[in-house]
Amino acid sequence: MKGSTESVRLALETLTPLHVGSGVELQREMDFVERSGTAFVVDQNRTFEAVAAGDAAADTLLRASRLSDLVQLAGAYHGYSLSPLAGSGAVPSAVRGCMKDAFSIPMCRAAR
């Protein structure tokens, strides 16, 4: 057997915002919308369910050409904000997706 291995347990404290990426690139008006100057990733399943449960006519749904139109028809924001982008001045046209836990809470959080 060549060499030897040693296990060491360490703790890591982040001093800057941390991004745990999913490897997916999210597109504006396809995956996220701008809300109060920051990117808001839309939970599309919950948004579609809210629209379907409402009284939006089929022709209104067919005219919804952007994700923000569907969010407006749903009457609520379902999803999460990308707070590290808040206050950056402009919402980009694409962002890298975050990994989420079992409760759909994103793992990309600003350092506290």
PDB file of N, CA and C in Angstrom:
ATOM      1  N   MET A   1       0.847  -1.173   0.000  1.00  0.00           N
ATOM      2  CA  MET A   1       0.000   0.000   0.000  1.00  0.00           C
ATOM      3  C   MET A   1       0.893   1.237   0.000  1.00  0.00           C
ATOM      4  N   LYS A   2       0.631   2.163  -0.913  1.00  0.00           N
ATOM      5  CA  LYS A   2       1.433   3.366  -1.043  1.00  0.00           C
ATOM      6  C   LYS A   2       0.889   4.478  -0.174  1.00  0.00           C
ATOM      7  N   GLY A   3       1.744   5.156   0.545  1.00  0.00           N
ATOM      8  CA  GLY A   3       1.366   6.316   1.332  1.00  0.00           C
ATOM      9  C   GLY A   3       0.403   5.991   2.461  1.00  0.00           C
ATOM     10  N   SER A   4      -0.021   7.031   3.141  1.00  0.00           N
ATOM     11  CA  SER A   4      -0.993   6.856   4.219  1.00  0.00           C
ATOM     12  C   SER A   4      -1.988   8.012   4.167  1.00  0.00           C
ATOM     13  N   THR A   5      -3.117   7.809   4.756  1.00  0.00           N
ATOM     14  CA  THR A   5      -4.139   8.855   4.797  1.00  0.00           C
ATOM     15  C   THR A   5      -4.420   9.225   6.236  1.00  0.00           C
ATOM     16  N   GLU A   6      -4.854  10.449   6.417  1.00  0.00           N
ATOM     17  CA  GLU A   6      -5.189  10.938   7.749  1.00  0.00           C
ATOM     18  C   GLU A   6      -6.459  11.769   7.641  1.00  0.00           C
ATOM     19  N   SER A   7      -7.414  11.543   8.519  1.00  0.00           N
ATOM     20  CA  SER A   7      -8.660  12.312   8.529  1.00  0.00           C
ATOM     21  C   SER A   7      -8.542  13.443   9.533  1.00  0.00           C
ATOM     22  N   VAL A   8      -8.973  14.615   9.115  1.00  0.00           N
ATOM     23  CA  VAL A   8      -8.942  15.792   9.979  1.00  0.00           C
ATOM     24  C   VAL A   8     -10.320  16.453   9.900  1.00  0.00           C
ATOM     25  N   ARG A   9     -10.890  16.794  11.032  1.00  0.00           N
ATOM     26  CA  ARG A   9     -12.180  17.486  11.067  1.00  0.00           C
ATOM     27  C   ARG A   9     -11.918  18.979  11.233  1.00  0.00           C
ATOM     28  N   LEU A  10     -12.483  19.784  10.316  1.00  0.00           N
ATOM     29  CA  LEU A  10     -12.280  21.225  10.327  1.00  0.00           C
ATOM     30  C   LEU A  10     -13.623  21.947  10.304  1.00  0.00           C
ATOM     31  N   ALA A  11     -13.627  23.177  10.739  1.00  0.00           N
ATOM     32  CA  ALA A  11     -14.795  24.046  10.623  1.00  0.00           C
ATOM     33  C   ALA A  11     -14.410  25.197   9.711  1.00  0.00           C
ATOM     34  N   LEU A  12     -15.349  25.630   8.883  1.00  0.00           N
ATOM     35  CA  LEU A  12     -15.090  26.692   7.926  1.00  0.00           C
ATOM     36  C   LEU A  12     -16.089  27.818   8.164  1.00  0.00           C
ATOM     37  N   GLU A  13     -15.584  29.027   8.367  1.00  0.00           N
ATOM     38  CA  GLU A  13     -16.435  30.194   8.533  1.00  0.00           C
ATOM     39  C   GLU A  13     -16.273  31.065   7.303  1.00  0.00           C
ATOM     40  N   THR A  14     -17.390  31.325   6.596  1.00  0.00           N
ATOM     41  CA  THR A  14     -17.312  32.177   5.412  1.00  0.00           C
ATOM     42  C   THR A  14     -17.383  33.634   5.824  1.00  0.00           C
ATOM     43  N   LEU A  15     -16.568  34.448   5.202  1.00  0.00           N
ATOM     44  CA  LEU A  15     -16.528  35.872   5.501  1.00  0.00           C
ATOM     45  C   LEU A  15     -17.208  36.700   4.425  1.00  0.00           C
ATOM     46  N   THR A  16     -17.536  36.070   3.311  1.00  0.00           N
ATOM     47  CA  THR A  16     -18.201  36.740   2.207  1.00  0.00           C
ATOM     48  C   THR A  16     -19.411  35.901   1.810  1.00  0.00           C
ATOM     49  N   PRO A  17     -20.298  36.427   0.978  1.00  0.00           N
ATOM     50  CA  PRO A  17     -21.432  35.615   0.533  1.00  0.00           C
ATOM     51  C   PRO A  17     -20.958  34.310  -0.111  1.00  0.00           C
ATOM     52  N   LEU A  18     -21.713  33.253   0.109  1.00  0.00           N
ATOM     53  CA  LEU A  18     -21.366  31.929  -0.397  1.00  0.00           C
ATOM     54  C   LEU A  18     -22.441  31.467  -1.370  1.00  0.00           C
ATOM     55  N   HIS A  19     -22.033  30.932  -2.497  1.00  0.00           N
ATOM     56  CA  HIS A  19     -22.967  30.414  -3.488  1.00  0.00           C
ATOM     57  C   HIS A  19     -22.732  28.924  -3.652  1.00  0.00           C
ATOM     58  N   VAL A  20     -23.753  28.125  -3.344  1.00  0.00           N
ATOM     59  CA  VAL A  20     -23.695  26.682  -3.552  1.00  0.00           C
ATOM     60  C   VAL A  20     -24.495  26.424  -4.818  1.00  0.00           C
ATOM     61  N   GLY A  21     -23.802  26.301  -5.924  1.00  0.00           N
ATOM     62  CA  GLY A  21     -24.455  26.252  -7.227  1.00  0.00           C
ATOM     63  C   GLY A  21     -25.074  24.917  -7.567  1.00  0.00           C
ATOM     64  N   SER A  22     -26.131  24.987  -8.382  1.00  0.00           N
ATOM     65  CA  SER A  22     -26.815  23.789  -8.867  1.00  0.00           C
ATOM     66  C   SER A  22     -26.314  23.390 -10.252  1.00  0.00           C
ATOM     67  N   GLY A  23     -25.538  24.276 -10.886  1.00  0.00           N
ATOM     68  CA  GLY A  23     -25.051  24.005 -12.232  1.00  0.00           C
ATOM     69  C   GLY A  23     -26.025  24.450 -13.316  1.00  0.00           C
ATOM     70  N   VAL A  24     -27.148  25.027 -12.909  1.00  0.00           N
ATOM     71  CA  VAL A  24     -28.169  25.481 -13.855  1.00  0.00           C
ATOM     72  C   VAL A  24     -28.102  27.001 -13.975  1.00  0.00           C
ATOM     73  N   GLU A  25     -28.211  27.499 -15.192  1.00  0.00           N
ATOM     74  CA  GLU A  25     -28.261  28.941 -15.386  1.00  0.00           C
ATOM     75  C   GLU A  25     -29.719  29.356 -15.548  1.00  0.00           C
ATOM     76  N   LEU A  26     -30.163  30.283 -14.705  1.00  0.00           N
ATOM     77  CA  LEU A  26     -31.541  30.757 -14.725  1.00  0.00           C
ATOM     78  C   LEU A  26     -31.640  31.999 -15.601  1.00  0.00           C
ATOM     79  N   GLN A  27     -32.679  32.061 -16.418  1.00  0.00           N
ATOM     80  CA  GLN A  27     -32.878  33.162 -17.361  1.00  0.00           C
ATOM     81  C   GLN A  27     -34.003  34.071 -16.877  1.00  0.00           C
ATOM     82  N   ARG A  28     -33.791  35.377 -17.044  1.00  0.00           N
ATOM     83  CA  ARG A  28     -34.813  36.369 -16.682  1.00  0.00           C
ATOM     84  C   ARG A  28     -36.063  36.154 -17.535  1.00  0.00           C
ATOM     85  N   GLU A  29     -37.225  36.254 -16.925  1.00  0.00           N
ATOM     86  CA  GLU A  29     -38.546  36.054 -17.522  1.00  0.00           C
ATOM     87  C   GLU A  29     -38.816  34.620 -17.959  1.00  0.00           C
ATOM     88  N   MET A  30     -37.868  33.734 -17.721  1.00  0.00           N
ATOM     89  CA  MET A  30     -38.090  32.297 -17.934  1.00  0.00           C
ATOM     90  C   MET A  30     -38.091  31.578 -16.586  1.00  0.00           C
ATOM     91  N   ASP A  31     -37.181  31.977 -15.714  1.00  0.00           N
ATOM     92  CA  ASP A  31     -37.017  31.344 -14.409  1.00  0.00           C
ATOM     93  C   ASP A  31     -37.163  32.330 -13.253  1.00  0.00           C
ATOM     94  N   PHE A  32     -36.813  33.593 -13.491  1.00  0.00           N
ATOM     95  CA  PHE A  32     -36.909  34.593 -12.430  1.00  0.00           C
ATOM     96  C   PHE A  32     -37.426  35.909 -12.983  1.00  0.00           C
ATOM     97  N   VAL A  33     -37.935  36.731 -12.073  1.00  0.00           N
ATOM     98  CA  VAL A  33     -38.447  38.064 -12.422  1.00  0.00           C
ATOM     99  C   VAL A  33     -37.760  39.079 -11.527  1.00  0.00           C
ATOM    100  N   GLU A  34     -37.876  40.347 -11.896  1.00  0.00           N
ATOM    101  CA  GLU A  34     -37.339  41.413 -11.058  1.00  0.00           C
ATOM    102  C   GLU A  34     -38.422  41.837 -10.079  1.00  0.00           C
ATOM    103  N   ARG A  35     -38.062  41.913  -8.813  1.00  0.00           N
ATOM    104  CA  ARG A  35     -39.010  42.338  -7.778  1.00  0.00           C
ATOM    105  C   ARG A  35     -38.273  43.257  -6.823  1.00  0.00           C
ATOM    106  N   SER A  36     -38.696  44.482  -6.744  1.00  0.00           N
ATOM    107  CA  SER A  36     -38.095  45.484  -5.849  1.00  0.00           C
ATOM    108  C   SER A  36     -36.587  45.591  -6.048  1.00  0.00           C
ATOM    109  N   GLY A  37     -36.145  45.545  -7.275  1.00  0.00           N
ATOM    110  CA  GLY A  37     -34.732  45.735  -7.580  1.00  0.00           C
ATOM    111  C   GLY A  37     -33.844  44.535  -7.357  1.00  0.00           C
ATOM    112  N   THR A  38     -34.419  43.367  -7.135  1.00  0.00           N
ATOM    113  CA  THR A  38     -33.602  42.166  -6.980  1.00  0.00           C
ATOM    114  C   THR A  38     -34.231  41.020  -7.764  1.00  0.00           C
ATOM    115  N   ALA A  39     -33.449  39.997  -8.031  1.00  0.00           N
ATOM    116  CA  ALA A  39     -33.944  38.826  -8.755  1.00  0.00           C
ATOM    117  C   ALA A  39     -34.790  37.977  -7.812  1.00  0.00           C
ATOM    118  N   PHE A  40     -35.968  37.556  -8.288  1.00  0.00           N
ATOM    119  CA  PHE A  40     -36.860  36.694  -7.519  1.00  0.00           C
ATOM    120  C   PHE A  40     -37.094  35.443  -8.336  1.00  0.00           C
ATOM    121  N   VAL A  41     -36.578  34.301  -7.853  1.00  0.00           N
ATOM    122  CA  VAL A  41     -36.731  33.018  -8.545  1.00  0.00           C
ATOM    123  C   VAL A  41     -38.135  32.507  -8.268  1.00  0.00           C
ATOM    124  N   VAL A  42     -38.887  32.282  -9.326  1.00  0.00           N
ATOM    125  CA  VAL A  42     -40.296  31.913  -9.216  1.00  0.00           C
ATOM    126  C   VAL A  42     -40.437  30.397  -9.107  1.00  0.00           C
ATOM    127  N   ASP A  43     -41.202  29.960  -8.105  1.00  0.00           N
ATOM    128  CA  ASP A  43     -41.592  28.550  -8.003  1.00  0.00           C
ATOM    129  C   ASP A  43     -42.736  28.378  -9.003  1.00  0.00           C
ATOM    130  N   GLN A  44     -42.403  27.877 -10.181  1.00  0.00           N
ATOM    131  CA  GLN A  44     -43.376  27.849 -11.261  1.00  0.00           C
ATOM    132  C   GLN A  44     -44.550  26.922 -10.971  1.00  0.00           C
ATOM    133  N   ASN A  45     -44.318  25.794 -10.309  1.00  0.00           N
ATOM    134  CA  ASN A  45     -45.425  24.891  -9.992  1.00  0.00           C
ATOM    135  C   ASN A  45     -46.453  25.573  -9.098  1.00  0.00           C
ATOM    136  N   ARG A  46     -45.986  26.222  -8.029  1.00  0.00           N
ATOM    137  CA  ARG A  46     -46.915  26.908  -7.135  1.00  0.00           C
ATOM    138  C   ARG A  46     -47.610  28.066  -7.829  1.00  0.00           C
ATOM    139  N   THR A  47     -46.897  28.758  -8.718  1.00  0.00           N
ATOM    140  CA  THR A  47     -47.490  29.873  -9.452  1.00  0.00           C
ATOM    141  C   THR A  47     -48.575  29.372 -10.400  1.00  0.00           C
ATOM    142  N   PHE A  48     -48.294  28.299 -11.147  1.00  0.00           N
ATOM    143  CA  PHE A  48     -49.294  27.739 -12.059  1.00  0.00           C
ATOM    144  C   PHE A  48     -50.519  27.253 -11.292  1.00  0.00           C
ATOM    145  N   GLU A  49     -50.294  26.619 -10.125  1.00  0.00           N
ATOM    146  CA  GLU A  49     -51.415  26.151  -9.308  1.00  0.00           C
ATOM    147  C   GLU A  49     -52.266  27.321  -8.829  1.00  0.00           C
ATOM    148  N   ALA A  50     -51.619  28.424  -8.439  1.00  0.00           N
ATOM    149  CA  ALA A  50     -52.363  29.602  -7.982  1.00  0.00           C
ATOM    150  C   ALA A  50     -53.179  30.212  -9.115  1.00  0.00           C
ATOM    151  N   VAL A  51     -52.613  30.242 -10.323  1.00  0.00           N
ATOM    152  CA  VAL A  51     -53.347  30.776 -11.472  1.00  0.00           C
ATOM    153  C   VAL A  51     -54.522  29.859 -11.803  1.00  0.00           C
ATOM    154  N   ALA A  52     -54.290  28.548 -11.806  1.00  0.00           N
ATOM    155  CA  ALA A  52     -55.353  27.594 -12.127  1.00  0.00           C
ATOM    156  C   ALA A  52     -56.470  27.628 -11.088  1.00  0.00           C
ATOM    157  N   ALA A  53     -56.135  27.889  -9.847  1.00  0.00           N
ATOM    158  CA  ALA A  53     -57.143  27.927  -8.781  1.00  0.00           C
ATOM    159  C   ALA A  53     -57.946  29.219  -8.811  1.00  0.00           C
ATOM    160  N   GLY A  54     -57.421  30.241  -9.478  1.00  0.00           N
ATOM    161  CA  GLY A  54     -58.111  31.530  -9.564  1.00  0.00           C
ATOM    162  C   GLY A  54     -59.148  31.526 -10.663  1.00  0.00           C
ATOM    163  N   ASP A  55     -59.645  32.689 -10.970  1.00  0.00           N
ATOM    164  CA  ASP A  55     -60.692  32.791 -11.988  1.00  0.00           C
ATOM    165  C   ASP A  55     -60.196  33.445 -13.277  1.00  0.00           C
ATOM    166  N   ALA A  56     -58.903  33.294 -13.564  1.00  0.00           N
ATOM    167  CA  ALA A  56     -58.354  33.867 -14.798  1.00  0.00           C
ATOM    168  C   ALA A  56     -58.912  33.115 -16.003  1.00  0.00           C
ATOM    169  N   ALA A  57     -59.436  33.863 -16.951  1.00  0.00           N
ATOM    170  CA  ALA A  57     -59.992  33.255 -18.156  1.00  0.00           C
ATOM    171  C   ALA A  57     -58.863  32.671 -19.006  1.00  0.00           C
ATOM    172  N   ALA A  58     -59.201  31.655 -19.801  1.00  0.00           N
ATOM    173  CA  ALA A  58     -58.202  30.971 -20.632  1.00  0.00           C
ATOM    174  C   ALA A  58     -57.534  31.929 -21.604  1.00  0.00           C
ATOM    175  N   ASP A  59     -58.292  32.867 -22.188  1.00  0.00           N
ATOM    176  CA  ASP A  59     -57.678  33.792 -23.138  1.00  0.00           C
ATOM    177  C   ASP A  59     -56.682  34.724 -22.456  1.00  0.00           C
ATOM    178  N   THR A  60     -56.926  35.061 -21.193  1.00  0.00           N
ATOM    179  CA  THR A  60     -55.972  35.872 -20.433  1.00  0.00           C
ATOM    180  C   THR A  60     -54.679  35.097 -20.229  1.00  0.00           C
ATOM    181  N   LEU A  61     -54.807  33.813 -19.915  1.00  0.00           N
ATOM    182  CA  LEU A  61     -53.617  32.969 -19.725  1.00  0.00           C
ATOM    183  C   LEU A  61     -52.819  32.841 -21.009  1.00  0.00           C
ATOM    184  N   LEU A  62     -53.513  32.724 -22.127  1.00  0.00           N
ATOM    185  CA  LEU A  62     -52.822  32.575 -23.406  1.00  0.00           C
ATOM    186  C   LEU A  62     -52.068  33.842 -23.791  1.00  0.00           C
ATOM    187  N   ARG A  63     -52.526  34.996 -23.334  1.00  0.00           N
ATOM    188  CA  ARG A  63     -51.853  36.251 -23.642  1.00  0.00           C
ATOM    189  C   ARG A  63     -50.641  36.496 -22.739  1.00  0.00           C
ATOM    190  N   ALA A  64     -50.507  35.719 -21.676  1.00  0.00           N
ATOM    191  CA  ALA A  64     -49.374  35.881 -20.762  1.00  0.00           C
ATOM    192  C   ALA A  64     -48.120  35.388 -21.470  1.00  0.00           C
ATOM    193  N   SER A  65     -47.312  36.323 -21.932  1.00  0.00           N
ATOM    194  CA  SER A  65     -46.137  35.946 -22.724  1.00  0.00           C
ATOM    195  C   SER A  65     -44.861  35.908 -21.886  1.00  0.00           C
ATOM    196  N   ARG A  66     -44.925  36.451 -20.661  1.00  0.00           N
ATOM    197  CA  ARG A  66     -43.738  36.475 -19.810  1.00  0.00           C
ATOM    198  C   ARG A  66     -44.063  35.847 -18.471  1.00  0.00           C
ATOM    199  N   LEU A  67     -43.034  35.413 -17.786  1.00  0.00           N
ATOM    200  CA  LEU A  67     -43.218  34.826 -16.458  1.00  0.00           C
ATOM    201  C   LEU A  67     -43.820  35.849 -15.504  1.00  0.00           C
ATOM    202  N   SER A  68     -43.424  37.107 -15.621  1.00  0.00           N
ATOM    203  CA  SER A  68     -43.976  38.134 -14.736  1.00  0.00           C
ATOM    204  C   SER A  68     -45.477  38.299 -14.941  1.00  0.00           C
ATOM    205  N   ASP A  69     -45.981  38.031 -16.157  1.00  0.00           N
ATOM    206  CA  ASP A  69     -47.424  38.072 -16.398  1.00  0.00           C
ATOM    207  C   ASP A  69     -48.128  36.993 -15.581  1.00  0.00           C
ATOM    208  N   LEU A  70     -47.567  35.789 -15.557  1.00  0.00           N
ATOM    209  CA  LEU A  70     -48.160  34.696 -14.788  1.00  0.00           C
ATOM    210  C   LEU A  70     -48.096  34.976 -13.289  1.00  0.00           C
ATOM    211  N   VAL A  71     -46.984  35.558 -12.843  1.00  0.00           N
ATOM    212  CA  VAL A  71     -46.863  35.912 -11.426  1.00  0.00           C
ATOM    213  C   VAL A  71     -47.943  36.921 -11.058  1.00  0.00           C
ATOM    214  N   GLN A  72     -48.188  37.883 -11.938  1.00  0.00           N
ATOM    215  CA  GLN A  72     -49.218  38.882 -11.685  1.00  0.00           C
ATOM    216  C   GLN A  72     -50.599  38.231 -11.656  1.00  0.00           C
ATOM    217  N   LEU A  73     -50.853  37.275 -12.560  1.00  0.00           N
ATOM    218  CA  LEU A  73     -52.134  36.573 -12.567  1.00  0.00           C
ATOM    219  C   LEU A  73     -52.319  35.727 -11.308  1.00  0.00           C
ATOM    220  N   ALA A  74     -51.223  35.178 -10.796  1.00  0.00           N
ATOM    221  CA  ALA A  74     -51.303  34.367  -9.574  1.00  0.00           C
ATOM    222  C   ALA A  74     -51.660  35.229  -8.371  1.00  0.00           C
ATOM    223  N   GLY A  75     -51.321  36.505  -8.428  1.00  0.00           N
ATOM    224  CA  GLY A  75     -51.646  37.408  -7.340  1.00  0.00           C
ATOM    225  C   GLY A  75     -50.723  37.287  -6.146  1.00  0.00           C
ATOM    226  N   ALA A  76     -49.645  36.540  -6.275  1.00  0.00           N
ATOM    227  CA  ALA A  76     -48.694  36.362  -5.171  1.00  0.00           C
ATOM    228  C   ALA A  76     -47.358  35.927  -5.740  1.00  0.00           C
ATOM    229  N   TYR A  77     -46.329  36.152  -4.944  1.00  0.00           N
ATOM    230  CA  TYR A  77     -44.991  35.709  -5.338  1.00  0.00           C
ATOM    231  C   TYR A  77     -44.688  34.402  -4.623  1.00  0.00           C
ATOM    232  N   HIS A  78     -44.476  33.333  -5.393  1.00  0.00           N
ATOM    233  CA  HIS A  78     -44.088  32.042  -4.845  1.00  0.00           C
ATOM    234  C   HIS A  78     -42.655  31.783  -5.295  1.00  0.00           C
ATOM    235  N   GLY A  79     -41.757  31.577  -4.361  1.00  0.00           N
ATOM    236  CA  GLY A  79     -40.356  31.351  -4.687  1.00  0.00           C
ATOM    237  C   GLY A  79     -39.468  32.014  -3.659  1.00  0.00           C
ATOM    238  N   TYR A  80     -38.317  32.518  -4.094  1.00  0.00           N
ATOM    239  CA  TYR A  80     -37.371  33.133  -3.167  1.00  0.00           C
ATOM    240  C   TYR A  80     -36.556  34.213  -3.867  1.00  0.00           C
ATOM    241  N   SER A  81     -36.171  35.217  -3.087  1.00  0.00           N
ATOM    242  CA  SER A  81     -35.321  36.294  -3.593  1.00  0.00           C
ATOM    243  C   SER A  81     -33.868  35.882  -3.523  1.00  0.00           C
ATOM    244  N   LEU A  82     -33.097  36.373  -4.445  1.00  0.00           N
ATOM    245  CA  LEU A  82     -31.648  36.177  -4.394  1.00  0.00           C
ATOM    246  C   LEU A  82     -31.066  37.391  -3.687  1.00  0.00           C
ATOM    247  N   SER A  83     -31.118  37.379  -2.373  1.00  0.00           N
ATOM    248  CA  SER A  83     -30.718  38.537  -1.569  1.00  0.00           C
ATOM    249  C   SER A  83     -29.284  38.993  -1.801  1.00  0.00           C
ATOM    250  N   PRO A  84     -28.330  38.125  -2.136  1.00  0.00           N
ATOM    251  CA  PRO A  84     -26.981  38.655  -2.413  1.00  0.00           C
ATOM    252  C   PRO A  84     -26.945  39.637  -3.580  1.00  0.00           C
ATOM    253  N   LEU A  85     -27.951  39.594  -4.451  1.00  0.00           N
ATOM    254  CA  LEU A  85     -28.001  40.531  -5.571  1.00  0.00           C
ATOM    255  C   LEU A  85     -28.732  41.813  -5.219  1.00  0.00           C
ATOM    256  N   ALA A  86     -29.382  41.857  -4.059  1.00  0.00           N
ATOM    257  CA  ALA A  86     -30.156  43.028  -3.671  1.00  0.00           C
ATOM    258  C   ALA A  86     -29.248  44.246  -3.544  1.00  0.00           C
ATOM    259  N   GLY A  87     -29.694  45.348  -4.054  1.00  0.00           N
ATOM    260  CA  GLY A  87     -28.942  46.585  -3.952  1.00  0.00           C
ATOM    261  C   GLY A  87     -27.776  46.697  -4.911  1.00  0.00           C
ATOM    262  N   SER A  88     -27.625  45.729  -5.816  1.00  0.00           N
ATOM    263  CA  SER A  88     -26.509  45.785  -6.752  1.00  0.00           C
ATOM    264  C   SER A  88     -26.763  46.766  -7.892  1.00  0.00           C
ATOM    265  N   GLY A  89     -27.985  47.292  -7.975  1.00  0.00           N
ATOM    266  CA  GLY A  89     -28.281  48.298  -8.981  1.00  0.00           C
ATOM    267  C   GLY A  89     -29.038  47.782 -10.184  1.00  0.00           C
ATOM    268  N   ALA A  90     -28.666  46.643 -10.723  1.00  0.00           N
ATOM    269  CA  ALA A  90     -29.336  46.107 -11.904  1.00  0.00           C
ATOM    270  C   ALA A  90     -29.475  44.598 -11.781  1.00  0.00           C
ATOM    271  N   VAL A  91     -30.622  44.103 -12.195  1.00  0.00           N
ATOM    272  CA  VAL A  91     -30.843  42.657 -12.197  1.00  0.00           C
ATOM    273  C   VAL A  91     -30.316  42.117 -13.524  1.00  0.00           C
ATOM    274  N   PRO A  92     -29.425  41.128 -13.490  1.00  0.00           N
ATOM    275  CA  PRO A  92     -28.842  40.616 -14.736  1.00  0.00           C
ATOM    276  C   PRO A  92     -29.857  39.814 -15.546  1.00  0.00           C
ATOM    277  N   SER A  93     -29.510  39.501 -16.785  1.00  0.00           N
ATOM    278  CA  SER A  93     -30.402  38.711 -17.640  1.00  0.00           C
ATOM    279  C   SER A  93     -30.295  37.221 -17.350  1.00  0.00           C
ATOM    280  N   ALA A  94     -29.232  36.801 -16.659  1.00  0.00           N
ATOM    281  CA  ALA A  94     -29.069  35.402 -16.280  1.00  0.00           C
ATOM    282  C   ALA A  94     -28.315  35.327 -14.950  1.00  0.00           C
ATOM    283  N   VAL A  95     -28.675  34.339 -14.132  1.00  0.00           N
ATOM    284  CA  VAL A  95     -27.984  34.097 -12.866  1.00  0.00           C
ATOM    285  C   VAL A  95     -27.770  32.597 -12.712  1.00  0.00           C
ATOM    286  N   ARG A  96     -26.804  32.239 -11.911  1.00  0.00           N
ATOM    287  CA  ARG A  96     -26.550  30.827 -11.617  1.00  0.00           C
ATOM    288  C   ARG A  96     -27.517  30.358 -10.537  1.00  0.00           C
ATOM    289  N   GLY A  97     -28.107  29.191 -10.735  1.00  0.00           N
ATOM    290  CA  GLY A  97     -29.055  28.643  -9.772  1.00  0.00           C
ATOM    291  C   GLY A  97     -28.379  28.160  -8.507  1.00  0.00           C
ATOM    292  N   CYS A  98     -29.145  28.097  -7.433  1.00  0.00           N
ATOM    293  CA  CYS A  98     -28.656  27.633  -6.126  1.00  0.00           C
ATOM    294  C   CYS A  98     -29.205  26.244  -5.822  1.00  0.00           C
ATOM    295  N   MET A  99     -28.472  25.500  -5.049  1.00  0.00           N
ATOM    296  CA  MET A  99     -29.000  24.256  -4.492  1.00  0.00           C
ATOM    297  C   MET A  99     -30.009  24.631  -3.425  1.00  0.00           C
ATOM    298  N   LYS A 100     -31.036  23.796  -3.246  1.00  0.00           N
ATOM    299  CA  LYS A 100     -32.049  24.037  -2.226  1.00  0.00           C
ATOM    300  C   LYS A 100     -32.157  22.824  -1.318  1.00  0.00           C
ATOM    301  N   ASP A 101     -32.605  23.072  -0.077  1.00  0.00           N
ATOM    302  CA  ASP A 101     -32.789  21.966   0.841  1.00  0.00           C
ATOM    303  C   ASP A 101     -34.158  21.313   0.615  1.00  0.00           C
ATOM    304  N   ALA A 102     -34.537  20.389   1.490  1.00  0.00           N
ATOM    305  CA  ALA A 102     -35.794  19.660   1.337  1.00  0.00           C
ATOM    306  C   ALA A 102     -37.017  20.554   1.444  1.00  0.00           C
ATOM    307  N   PHE A 103     -36.866  21.748   2.001  1.00  0.00           N
ATOM    308  CA  PHE A 103     -37.982  22.677   2.162  1.00  0.00           C
ATOM    309  C   PHE A 103     -37.952  23.788   1.110  1.00  0.00           C
ATOM    310  N   SER A 104     -37.171  23.587   0.032  1.00  0.00           N
ATOM    311  CA  SER A 104     -37.011  24.552  -1.067  1.00  0.00           C
ATOM    312  C   SER A 104     -36.417  25.874  -0.613  1.00  0.00           C
ATOM    313  N   ILE A 105     -35.626  25.851   0.438  1.00  0.00           N
ATOM    314  CA  ILE A 105     -34.927  27.046   0.901  1.00  0.00           C
ATOM    315  C   ILE A 105     -33.540  27.032   0.260  1.00  0.00           C
ATOM    316  N   PRO A 106     -33.185  28.107  -0.464  1.00  0.00           N
ATOM    317  CA  PRO A 106     -31.892  28.101  -1.163  1.00  0.00           C
ATOM    318  C   PRO A 106     -30.716  28.102  -0.199  1.00  0.00           C
ATOM    319  N   MET A 107     -29.650  27.437  -0.592  1.00  0.00           N
ATOM    320  CA  MET A 107     -28.453  27.360   0.233  1.00  0.00           C
ATOM    321  C   MET A 107     -27.521  28.537   0.003  1.00  0.00           C
ATOM    322  N   CYS A 108     -27.825  29.397  -0.958  1.00  0.00           N
ATOM    323  CA  CYS A 108     -26.982  30.571  -1.185  1.00  0.00           C
ATOM    324  C   CYS A 108     -27.510  31.695  -0.296  1.00  0.00           C
ATOM    325  N   ARG A 109     -26.760  32.025   0.675  1.00  0.00           N
ATOM    326  CA  ARG A 109     -27.146  33.041   1.653  1.00  0.00           C
ATOM    327  C   ARG A 109     -25.988  34.005   1.832  1.00  0.00           C
ATOM    328  N   ALA A 110     -26.300  35.234   2.146  1.00  0.00           N
ATOM    329  CA  ALA A 110     -25.253  36.207   2.439  1.00  0.00           C
ATOM    330  C   ALA A 110     -24.681  35.899   3.798  1.00  0.00           C
ATOM    331  N   ALA A 111     -23.403  36.147   3.971  1.00  0.00           N
ATOM    332  CA  ALA A 111     -22.746  35.931   5.273  1.00  0.00           C
ATOM    333  C   ALA A 111     -23.381  36.849   6.308  1.00  0.00           C
ATOM    334  N   ARG A 112     -23.548  36.348   7.505  1.00  0.00           N
ATOM    335  CA  ARG A 112     -24.171  37.140   8.583  1.00  0.00           C
ATOM    336  C   ARG A 112     -23.139  37.602   9.560  1.00  0.00           C
TER     337      ARG A 112
END
